[in-house]
């Protein structure tokens, strides 16, 4: 039996409503996954920070922020960040010393003939 145009319109509107509800649920799930991933990342990075800084648990959030701001604001800190940036894969071939000099990477061919120079 053929549907009237009005019945077809109602049917399509019902389909649209169902699809919009599905879209809303998918967006909610995606947002929840993103929040969970962000929370995990923040916890992991906080743990890394506390493991590397003696007495970090006794510092205030403002003190930790000041430490990080001052550290990454130095020329040395900026060079380190630039050397580990994902878009700069060639920068991993050299290591920076605190004085800003570069060192050749250690020999990784298993022969133990490292040609690394002291900085």
Protein backbone atom coordinates (compact mmCIF):
# COMPACT_ATOMS: atom_id res chain seq x y z
CA UNK A 1 0.00 0.00 0.00
CA UNK A 2 1.42 3.35 -1.03
CA UNK A 3 1.94 5.94 1.70
CA UNK A 4 0.62 9.39 1.32
CA UNK A 5 3.05 12.26 1.17
CA UNK A 6 2.05 13.29 4.68
CA UNK A 7 2.78 9.80 6.02
CA UNK A 8 6.16 9.77 4.28
CA UNK A 9 7.00 13.18 5.79
CA UNK A 10 6.09 11.92 9.27
CA UNK A 11 8.17 8.78 8.75
CA UNK A 12 11.19 10.80 7.61
CA UNK A 13 10.82 13.19 10.56
CA UNK A 14 10.82 10.19 12.92
CA UNK A 15 13.99 8.88 11.26
CA UNK A 16 15.58 12.31 11.61
CA UNK A 17 14.69 12.41 15.31
CA UNK A 18 16.23 8.94 15.84
CA UNK A 19 19.40 9.91 13.99
CA UNK A 20 19.71 13.13 15.99
CA UNK A 21 19.37 11.15 19.22
CA UNK A 22 22.08 8.73 18.01
CA UNK A 23 24.31 11.66 17.08
CA UNK A 24 23.82 13.22 20.51
CA UNK A 25 24.77 9.94 22.23
CA UNK A 26 27.87 9.54 20.07
CA UNK A 27 28.98 13.09 20.81
CA UNK A 28 28.48 12.50 24.54
CA UNK A 29 30.53 9.29 24.38
CA UNK A 30 33.28 11.02 22.41
CA UNK A 31 33.42 13.91 24.89
CA UNK A 32 33.56 11.46 27.81
CA UNK A 33 36.45 9.57 26.17
CA UNK A 34 38.33 12.81 25.54
CA UNK A 35 37.84 13.91 29.17
CA UNK A 36 39.03 10.52 30.40
CA UNK A 37 42.13 10.65 28.19
CA UNK A 38 42.91 14.20 29.35
CA UNK A 39 42.50 13.25 33.00
CA UNK A 40 44.79 10.25 32.54
CA UNK A 41 47.40 12.40 30.78
CA UNK A 42 47.30 15.04 33.53
CA UNK A 43 47.68 12.44 36.26
CA UNK A 44 50.57 10.73 34.48
CA UNK A 45 52.39 14.01 33.87
CA UNK A 46 51.88 15.10 37.46
CA UNK A 47 53.36 11.79 38.62
CA UNK A 48 56.34 12.27 36.30
CA UNK A 49 56.88 15.77 37.66
CA UNK A 50 56.76 14.59 41.28
CA UNK A 51 59.14 11.74 40.54
CA UNK A 52 61.75 14.08 39.05
CA UNK A 53 61.61 16.98 41.51
CA UNK A 54 62.76 16.29 45.04
CA UNK A 55 60.16 17.56 47.48
CA UNK A 56 57.63 18.37 44.76
CA UNK A 57 54.76 17.20 46.96
CA UNK A 58 55.54 20.02 49.40
CA UNK A 59 55.50 22.72 46.71
CA UNK A 60 52.38 24.73 46.04
CA UNK A 61 50.80 24.74 42.58
CA UNK A 62 52.03 28.31 42.15
CA UNK A 63 55.61 27.26 42.97
CA UNK A 64 55.50 24.37 40.50
CA UNK A 65 54.09 26.68 37.85
CA UNK A 66 56.83 29.26 38.51
CA UNK A 67 59.50 26.54 38.30
CA UNK A 68 58.20 25.28 34.97
CA UNK A 69 57.72 28.78 33.55
CA UNK A 70 61.26 29.79 34.45
CA UNK A 71 62.71 26.50 33.21
CA UNK A 72 61.09 26.51 29.79
CA UNK A 73 61.67 30.25 29.35
CA UNK A 74 65.46 29.82 29.31
CA UNK A 75 67.30 29.47 26.02
CA UNK A 76 68.40 26.00 27.06
CA UNK A 77 64.82 25.02 27.90
CA UNK A 78 63.60 26.34 24.55
CA UNK A 79 66.29 24.37 22.68
CA UNK A 80 65.35 21.18 24.53
CA UNK A 81 61.66 21.67 23.73
CA UNK A 82 62.52 22.33 20.09
CA UNK A 83 64.71 19.23 19.97
CA UNK A 84 61.97 16.92 21.23
CA UNK A 85 59.09 18.43 19.27
CA UNK A 86 57.34 15.75 17.16
CA UNK A 87 57.64 17.75 13.94
CA UNK A 88 61.44 17.95 14.30
CA UNK A 89 62.53 14.30 14.16
CA UNK A 90 66.08 15.15 13.00
CA UNK A 91 66.72 17.07 16.21
CA UNK A 92 66.89 13.74 18.08
CA UNK A 93 70.20 13.01 16.37
CA UNK A 94 72.02 15.40 18.70
CA UNK A 95 71.82 16.04 22.43
CA UNK A 96 72.23 19.41 24.09
CA UNK A 97 74.46 20.02 27.07
CA UNK A 98 73.40 22.55 29.72
CA UNK A 99 75.88 24.98 28.14
CA UNK A 100 73.98 24.72 24.86
CA UNK A 101 76.63 22.71 23.01
CA UNK A 102 75.63 19.71 20.98
CA UNK A 103 76.94 16.21 21.45
CA UNK A 104 76.99 13.42 18.92
CA UNK A 105 74.65 10.57 19.89
CA UNK A 106 76.11 7.45 21.45
CA UNK A 107 77.06 4.60 19.11
CA UNK A 108 74.10 2.24 19.05
CA UNK A 109 75.58 -0.46 16.80
CA UNK A 110 76.41 -2.64 19.79
CA UNK A 111 80.18 -2.39 19.42
CA UNK A 112 80.56 -0.06 22.36
CA UNK A 113 82.63 2.46 20.40
CA UNK A 114 81.00 5.61 21.60
CA UNK A 115 82.44 8.76 20.12
CA UNK A 116 80.61 11.05 22.48
CA UNK A 117 82.61 14.11 23.47
CA UNK A 118 82.43 15.80 26.84
CA UNK A 119 80.58 19.12 26.78
